[in-house]
Amino acid sequence: RETMGFNAVGVYEDSIKKGRLWVALDKNANYLG
């Protein structure tokens, strides 16, 4: 939070619904970022 700031969970949900939050996964579908 100190470097990334704060966003309510709804901000992330909205970005996901709009296709504007993407994740990187490894070959085992583990979250990388």
All heavy atoms as atom14 arrays in JSON, in Angstrom:
{
  "sequence": "RETMGFNAVGVYEDSIKKGRLWVALDKNANYLG",
  "atom14_mask": [
    [1, 1, 1, 1, 1, 1, 1, 1, 1, 1, 1, 0, 0, 0],
    [1, 1, 1, 1, 1, 1, 1, 1, 1, 0, 0, 0, 0, 0],
    [1, 1, 1, 1, 1, 1, 1, 0, 0, 0, 0, 0, 0, 0],
    [1, 1, 1, 1, 1, 1, 1, 1, 0, 0, 0, 0, 0, 0],
    [1, 1, 1, 1, 0, 0, 0, 0, 0, 0, 0, 0, 0, 0],
    [1, 1, 1, 1, 1, 1, 1, 1, 1, 1, 1, 0, 0, 0],
    [1, 1, 1, 1, 1, 1, 1, 1, 0, 0, 0, 0, 0, 0],
    [1, 1, 1, 1, 1, 0, 0, 0, 0, 0, 0, 0, 0, 0],
    [1, 1, 1, 1, 1, 1, 1, 0, 0, 0, 0, 0, 0, 0],
    [1, 1, 1, 1, 0, 0, 0, 0, 0, 0, 0, 0, 0, 0],
    [1, 1, 1, 1, 1, 1, 1, 0, 0, 0, 0, 0, 0, 0],
    [1, 1, 1, 1, 1, 1, 1, 1, 1, 1, 1, 1, 0, 0],
    [1, 1, 1, 1, 1, 1, 1, 1, 1, 0, 0, 0, 0, 0],
    [1, 1, 1, 1, 1, 1, 1, 1, 0, 0, 0, 0, 0, 0],
    [1, 1, 1, 1, 1, 1, 0, 0, 0, 0, 0, 0, 0, 0],
    [1, 1, 1, 1, 1, 1, 1, 1, 0, 0, 0, 0, 0, 0],
    [1, 1, 1, 1, 1, 1, 1, 1, 1, 0, 0, 0, 0, 0],
    [1, 1, 1, 1, 1, 1, 1, 1, 1, 0, 0, 0, 0, 0],
    [1, 1, 1, 1, 0, 0, 0, 0, 0, 0, 0, 0, 0, 0],
    [1, 1, 1, 1, 1, 1, 1, 1, 1, 1, 1, 0, 0, 0],
    [1, 1, 1, 1, 1, 1, 1, 1, 0, 0, 0, 0, 0, 0],
    [1, 1, 1, 1, 1, 1, 1, 1, 1, 1, 1, 1, 1, 1],
    [1, 1, 1, 1, 1, 1, 1, 0, 0, 0, 0, 0, 0, 0],
    [1, 1, 1, 1, 1, 0, 0, 0, 0, 0, 0, 0, 0, 0],
    [1, 1, 1, 1, 1, 1, 1, 1, 0, 0, 0, 0, 0, 0],
    [1, 1, 1, 1, 1, 1, 1, 1, 0, 0, 0, 0, 0, 0],
    [1, 1, 1, 1, 1, 1, 1, 1, 1, 0, 0, 0, 0, 0],
    [1, 1, 1, 1, 1, 1, 1, 1, 0, 0, 0, 0, 0, 0],
    [1, 1, 1, 1, 1, 0, 0, 0, 0, 0, 0, 0, 0, 0],
    [1, 1, 1, 1, 1, 1, 1, 1, 0, 0, 0, 0, 0, 0],
    [1, 1, 1, 1, 1, 1, 1, 1, 1, 1, 1, 1, 0, 0],
    [1, 1, 1, 1, 1, 1, 1, 1, 0, 0, 0, 0, 0, 0],
    [1, 1, 1, 1, 0, 0, 0, 0, 0, 0, 0, 0, 0, 0]
  ],
  "atom14_positions": [
    [[0.82, -1.22, 0.0], [0.0, 0.0, 0.0], [0.85, 1.27, 0.0], [0.49, 2.26, -0.61], [-0.93, -0.01, 1.2], [-1.97, 1.08, 1.14], [-2.95, 0.98, 2.26], [-3.82, -0.16, 2.0], [-4.76, -0.56, 2.83], [-4.94, 0.06, 3.96], [-5.51, -1.6, 2.54], [0.0, 0.0, 0.0], [0.0, 0.0, 0.0], [0.0, 0.0, 0.0]],
    [[1.99, 1.23, 0.66], [2.84, 2.43, 0.73], [3.31, 2.85, -0.66], [3.42, 4.04, -0.95], [4.04, 2.16, 1.62], [4.89, 3.39, 1.86], [6.0, 3.11, 2.86], [5.72, 2.59, 3.95], [7.15, 3.42, 2.52], [0.0, 0.0, 0.0], [0.0, 0.0, 0.0], [0.0, 0.0, 0.0], [0.0, 0.0, 0.0], [0.0, 0.0, 0.0]],
    [[3.59, 1.9, -1.53], [4.07, 2.24, -2.87], [2.98, 2.2, -3.93], [3.12, 2.83, -4.97], [5.21, 1.28, -3.31], [4.75, -0.06, -3.23], [6.43, 1.48, -2.44], [0.0, 0.0, 0.0], [0.0, 0.0, 0.0], [0.0, 0.0, 0.0], [0.0, 0.0, 0.0], [0.0, 0.0, 0.0], [0.0, 0.0, 0.0], [0.0, 0.0, 0.0]],
    [[1.91, 1.45, -3.68], [0.86, 1.3, -4.7], [-0.4, 2.09, -4.41], [-1.27, 2.19, -5.26], [0.52, -0.18, -4.86], [1.7, -1.0, -5.32], [1.3, -2.69, -5.66], [0.53, -2.51, -7.25], [0.0, 0.0, 0.0], [0.0, 0.0, 0.0], [0.0, 0.0, 0.0], [0.0, 0.0, 0.0], [0.0, 0.0, 0.0], [0.0, 0.0, 0.0]],
    [[-0.5, 2.63, -3.22], [-1.71, 3.35, -2.87], [-2.82, 2.39, -2.48], [-2.62, 1.18, -2.38], [0.0, 0.0, 0.0], [0.0, 0.0, 0.0], [0.0, 0.0, 0.0], [0.0, 0.0, 0.0], [0.0, 0.0, 0.0], [0.0, 0.0, 0.0], [0.0, 0.0, 0.0], [0.0, 0.0, 0.0], [0.0, 0.0, 0.0], [0.0, 0.0, 0.0]],
    [[-4.0, 2.93, -2.24], [-5.14, 2.12, -1.82], [-6.24, 2.2, -2.86], [-6.58, 3.28, -3.34], [-5.69, 2.62, -0.47], [-6.97, 1.94, -0.09], [-6.96, 0.67, 0.41], [-8.19, 2.58, -0.29], [-8.16, 0.02, 0.75], [-9.38, 1.95, 0.04], [-9.36, 0.67, 0.57], [0.0, 0.0, 0.0], [0.0, 0.0, 0.0], [0.0, 0.0, 0.0]],
    [[-6.77, 1.05, -3.19], [-7.97, 0.97, -4.02], [-8.93, 0.01, -3.34], [-8.53, -1.07, -2.91], [-7.65, 0.44, -5.42], [-7.0, 1.48, -6.3], [-7.51, 2.58, -6.45], [-5.87, 1.15, -6.87], [0.0, 0.0, 0.0], [0.0, 0.0, 0.0], [0.0, 0.0, 0.0], [0.0, 0.0, 0.0], [0.0, 0.0, 0.0], [0.0, 0.0, 0.0]],
    [[-10.19, 0.4, -3.26], [-11.21, -0.49, -2.73], [-11.37, -1.68, -3.66], [-11.1, -1.59, -4.87], [-12.53, 0.25, -2.58], [0.0, 0.0, 0.0], [0.0, 0.0, 0.0], [0.0, 0.0, 0.0], [0.0, 0.0, 0.0], [0.0, 0.0, 0.0], [0.0, 0.0, 0.0], [0.0, 0.0, 0.0], [0.0, 0.0, 0.0], [0.0, 0.0, 0.0]],
    [[-11.82, -2.8, -3.12], [-11.97, -4.01, -3.92], [-12.89, -3.77, -5.11], [-12.71, -4.36, -6.18], [-12.43, -5.2, -3.05], [-13.87, -5.04, -2.6], [-12.21, -6.52, -3.75], [0.0, 0.0, 0.0], [0.0, 0.0, 0.0], [0.0, 0.0, 0.0], [0.0, 0.0, 0.0], [0.0, 0.0, 0.0], [0.0, 0.0, 0.0], [0.0, 0.0, 0.0]],
    [[-13.85, -2.87, -4.97], [-14.77, -2.57, -6.07], [-14.08, -1.99, -7.29], [-14.51, -2.21, -8.42], [0.0, 0.0, 0.0], [0.0, 0.0, 0.0], [0.0, 0.0, 0.0], [0.0, 0.0, 0.0], [0.0, 0.0, 0.0], [0.0, 0.0, 0.0], [0.0, 0.0, 0.0], [0.0, 0.0, 0.0], [0.0, 0.0, 0.0], [0.0, 0.0, 0.0]],
    [[-12.99, -1.26, -7.07], [-12.23, -0.71, -8.19], [-11.63, -1.85, -9.02], [-11.66, -1.83, -10.25], [-11.11, 0.24, -7.68], [-10.18, 0.66, -8.8], [-11.73, 1.44, -7.0], [0.0, 0.0, 0.0], [0.0, 0.0, 0.0], [0.0, 0.0, 0.0], [0.0, 0.0, 0.0], [0.0, 0.0, 0.0], [0.0, 0.0, 0.0], [0.0, 0.0, 0.0]],
    [[-11.09, -2.85, -8.34], [-10.52, -4.0, -9.04], [-11.61, -4.8, -9.74], [-11.44, -5.22, -10.89], [-9.73, -4.88, -8.07], [-8.54, -4.15, -7.51], [-8.52, -3.69, -6.21], [-7.42, -3.9, -8.3], [-7.43, -3.01, -5.7], [-6.32, -3.22, -7.8], [-6.34, -2.77, -6.49], [-5.26, -2.09, -6.0], [0.0, 0.0, 0.0], [0.0, 0.0, 0.0]],
    [[-12.73, -5.0, -9.07], [-13.84, -5.74, -9.69], [-14.32, -5.04, -10.96], [-14.56, -5.69, -11.98], [-14.99, -5.89, -8.7], [-14.68, -6.83, -7.55], [-15.75, -6.79, -6.48], [-16.53, -5.81, -6.41], [-15.78, -7.74, -5.68], [0.0, 0.0, 0.0], [0.0, 0.0, 0.0], [0.0, 0.0, 0.0], [0.0, 0.0, 0.0], [0.0, 0.0, 0.0]],
    [[-14.47, -3.73, -10.89], [-14.92, -2.96, -12.05], [-13.92, -3.06, -13.2], [-14.31, -3.25, -14.36], [-15.15, -1.5, -11.65], [-15.79, -0.7, -12.77], [-16.84, -1.11, -13.28], [-15.23, 0.37, -13.11], [0.0, 0.0, 0.0], [0.0, 0.0, 0.0], [0.0, 0.0, 0.0], [0.0, 0.0, 0.0], [0.0, 0.0, 0.0], [0.0, 0.0, 0.0]],
    [[-12.64, -2.95, -12.88], [-11.6, -3.06, -13.92], [-11.61, -4.44, -14.56], [-11.42, -4.57, -15.76], [-10.22, -2.76, -13.32], [-10.14, -1.4, -12.95], [0.0, 0.0, 0.0], [0.0, 0.0, 0.0], [0.0, 0.0, 0.0], [0.0, 0.0, 0.0], [0.0, 0.0, 0.0], [0.0, 0.0, 0.0], [0.0, 0.0, 0.0], [0.0, 0.0, 0.0]],
    [[-11.83, -5.46, -13.75], [-11.89, -6.83, -14.29], [-13.09, -6.95, -15.23], [-12.96, -7.48, -16.34], [-11.96, -7.86, -13.14], [-10.62, -7.91, -12.4], [-12.35, -9.24, -13.69], [-10.66, -8.69, -11.09], [0.0, 0.0, 0.0], [0.0, 0.0, 0.0], [0.0, 0.0, 0.0], [0.0, 0.0, 0.0], [0.0, 0.0, 0.0], [0.0, 0.0, 0.0]],
    [[-14.25, -6.47, -14.81], [-15.46, -6.56, -15.64], [-15.28, -5.85, -16.98], [-15.81, -6.28, -17.99], [-16.66, -5.98, -14.9], [-17.14, -6.84, -13.77], [-18.26, -6.18, -13.01], [-18.61, -6.98, -11.77], [-19.54, -6.27, -10.9], [0.0, 0.0, 0.0], [0.0, 0.0, 0.0], [0.0, 0.0, 0.0], [0.0, 0.0, 0.0], [0.0, 0.0, 0.0]],
    [[-14.52, -4.76, -16.98], [-14.28, -3.99, -18.2], [-13.13, -4.57, -19.03], [-12.81, -4.04, -20.1], [-13.96, -2.54, -17.85], [-15.13, -1.78, -17.3], [-14.75, -0.36, -16.94], [-15.94, 0.41, -16.42], [-15.56, 1.75, -15.96], [0.0, 0.0, 0.0], [0.0, 0.0, 0.0], [0.0, 0.0, 0.0], [0.0, 0.0, 0.0], [0.0, 0.0, 0.0]],
    [[-12.5, -5.64, -18.55], [-11.38, -6.24, -19.28], [-10.11, -5.42, -19.18], [-9.22, -5.54, -20.01], [0.0, 0.0, 0.0], [0.0, 0.0, 0.0], [0.0, 0.0, 0.0], [0.0, 0.0, 0.0], [0.0, 0.0, 0.0], [0.0, 0.0, 0.0], [0.0, 0.0, 0.0], [0.0, 0.0, 0.0], [0.0, 0.0, 0.0], [0.0, 0.0, 0.0]],
    [[-10.0, -4.61, -18.15], [-8.85, -3.72, -18.01], [-7.97, -4.06, -16.82], [-7.16, -3.25, -16.39], [-9.33, -2.28, -17.9], [-9.93, -1.81, -19.22], [-10.04, -0.35, -19.22], [-10.53, 0.12, -20.51], [-10.82, 1.37, -20.73], [-10.66, 2.27, -19.79], [-11.26, 1.75, -21.91], [0.0, 0.0, 0.0], [0.0, 0.0, 0.0], [0.0, 0.0, 0.0]],
    [[-8.14, -5.23, -16.28], [-7.21, -5.74, -15.28], [-6.81, -7.13, -15.74], [-7.66, -8.0, -15.9], [-7.83, -5.78, -13.89], [-6.82, -5.95, -12.76], [-7.33, -5.31, -11.48], [-6.42, -7.37, -12.53], [0.0, 0.0, 0.0], [0.0, 0.0, 0.0], [0.0, 0.0, 0.0], [0.0, 0.0, 0.0], [0.0, 0.0, 0.0], [0.0, 0.0, 0.0]],
    [[-5.54, -7.27, -16.02], [-5.02, -8.54, -16.53], [-4.07, -9.13, -15.51], [-3.4, -8.41, -14.77], [-4.25, -8.31, -17.83], [-5.0, -7.55, -18.89], [-6.35, -7.43, -19.04], [-4.41, -6.81, -19.94], [-6.63, -6.67, -20.14], [-5.45, -6.26, -20.72], [-3.09, -6.55, -20.33], [-5.23, -5.48, -21.84], [-2.87, -5.76, -21.45], [-3.93, -5.25, -22.19]],
    [[-3.99, -10.45, -15.5], [-3.04, -11.13, -14.62], [-2.05, -11.93, -15.44], [-2.34, -12.36, -16.56], [-3.75, -12.07, -13.61], [-4.61, -11.28, -12.64], [-4.57, -13.14, -14.3], [0.0, 0.0, 0.0], [0.0, 0.0, 0.0], [0.0, 0.0, 0.0], [0.0, 0.0, 0.0], [0.0, 0.0, 0.0], [0.0, 0.0, 0.0], [0.0, 0.0, 0.0]],
    [[-0.86, -12.09, -14.86], [0.15, -12.98, -15.43], [0.18, -14.22, -14.56], [0.13, -14.13, -13.32], [1.52, -12.3, -15.44], [0.0, 0.0, 0.0], [0.0, 0.0, 0.0], [0.0, 0.0, 0.0], [0.0, 0.0, 0.0], [0.0, 0.0, 0.0], [0.0, 0.0, 0.0], [0.0, 0.0, 0.0], [0.0, 0.0, 0.0], [0.0, 0.0, 0.0]],
    [[0.25, -15.36, -15.21], [0.25, -16.64, -14.51], [1.43, -17.47, -14.97], [1.86, -17.36, -16.12], [-1.04, -17.4, -14.8], [-2.35, -16.66, -14.57], [-3.52, -17.49, -15.07], [-2.52, -16.3, -13.11], [0.0, 0.0, 0.0], [0.0, 0.0, 0.0], [0.0, 0.0, 0.0], [0.0, 0.0, 0.0], [0.0, 0.0, 0.0], [0.0, 0.0, 0.0]],
    [[1.9, -18.35, -14.09], [2.92, -19.29, -14.53], [2.24, -20.49, -15.18], [1.0, -20.52, -15.31], [3.86, -19.68, -13.38], [3.18, -20.51, -12.29], [2.04, -21.0, -12.48], [3.8, -20.67, -11.23], [0.0, 0.0, 0.0], [0.0, 0.0, 0.0], [0.0, 0.0, 0.0], [0.0, 0.0, 0.0], [0.0, 0.0, 0.0], [0.0, 0.0, 0.0]],
    [[3.01, -21.47, -15.59], [2.43, -22.63, -16.31], [1.48, -23.45, -15.44], [0.69, -24.23, -15.96], [3.54, -23.5, -16.88], [4.44, -24.12, -15.84], [5.54, -24.91, -16.48], [6.49, -25.43, -15.41], [7.6, -26.15, -15.99], [0.0, 0.0, 0.0], [0.0, 0.0, 0.0], [0.0, 0.0, 0.0], [0.0, 0.0, 0.0], [0.0, 0.0, 0.0]],
    [[1.54, -23.25, -14.12], [0.63, -23.96, -13.21], [-0.54, -23.08, -12.77], [-1.24, -23.4, -11.82], [1.4, -24.44, -11.98], [2.45, -25.46, -12.34], [2.19, -26.39, -13.1], [3.66, -25.27, -11.83], [0.0, 0.0, 0.0], [0.0, 0.0, 0.0], [0.0, 0.0, 0.0], [0.0, 0.0, 0.0], [0.0, 0.0, 0.0], [0.0, 0.0, 0.0]],
    [[-0.73, -21.97, -13.46], [-1.81, -21.01, -13.18], [-1.66, -20.31, -11.84], [-2.64, -19.89, -11.24], [-3.18, -21.67, -13.31], [0.0, 0.0, 0.0], [0.0, 0.0, 0.0], [0.0, 0.0, 0.0], [0.0, 0.0, 0.0], [0.0, 0.0, 0.0], [0.0, 0.0, 0.0], [0.0, 0.0, 0.0], [0.0, 0.0, 0.0], [0.0, 0.0, 0.0]],
    [[-0.42, -20.18, -11.36], [-0.16, -19.42, -10.15], [0.0, -17.95, -10.51], [0.64, -17.6, -11.5], [1.12, -19.9, -9.46], [0.98, -21.32, -8.96], [0.02, -21.65, -8.28], [1.92, -22.17, -9.31], [0.0, 0.0, 0.0], [0.0, 0.0, 0.0], [0.0, 0.0, 0.0], [0.0, 0.0, 0.0], [0.0, 0.0, 0.0], [0.0, 0.0, 0.0]],
    [[-0.57, -17.08, -9.7], [-0.54, -15.64, -9.9], [0.89, -15.11, -9.79], [1.58, -15.34, -8.81], [-1.44, -14.99, -8.85], [-1.35, -13.5, -8.72], [-2.05, -12.67, -9.6], [-0.59, -12.91, -7.72], [-1.98, -11.29, -9.47], [-0.52, -11.53, -7.58], [-1.22, -10.74, -8.45], [-1.15, -9.37, -8.33], [0.0, 0.0, 0.0], [0.0, 0.0, 0.0]],
    [[1.32, -14.38, -10.83], [2.64, -13.75, -10.84], [2.55, -12.24, -10.69], [3.51, -11.59, -10.26], [3.38, -14.06, -12.15], [3.67, -15.52, -12.44], [4.34, -15.66, -13.8], [4.5, -16.14, -11.33], [0.0, 0.0, 0.0], [0.0, 0.0, 0.0], [0.0, 0.0, 0.0], [0.0, 0.0, 0.0], [0.0, 0.0, 0.0], [0.0, 0.0, 0.0]],
    [[1.42, -11.66, -11.08], [1.26, -10.21, -11.0], [0.07, -9.77, -11.82], [-0.66, -10.59, -12.39], [0.0, 0.0, 0.0], [0.0, 0.0, 0.0], [0.0, 0.0, 0.0], [0.0, 0.0, 0.0], [0.0, 0.0, 0.0], [0.0, 0.0, 0.0], [0.0, 0.0, 0.0], [0.0, 0.0, 0.0], [0.0, 0.0, 0.0], [0.0, 0.0, 0.0]]
  ]
}
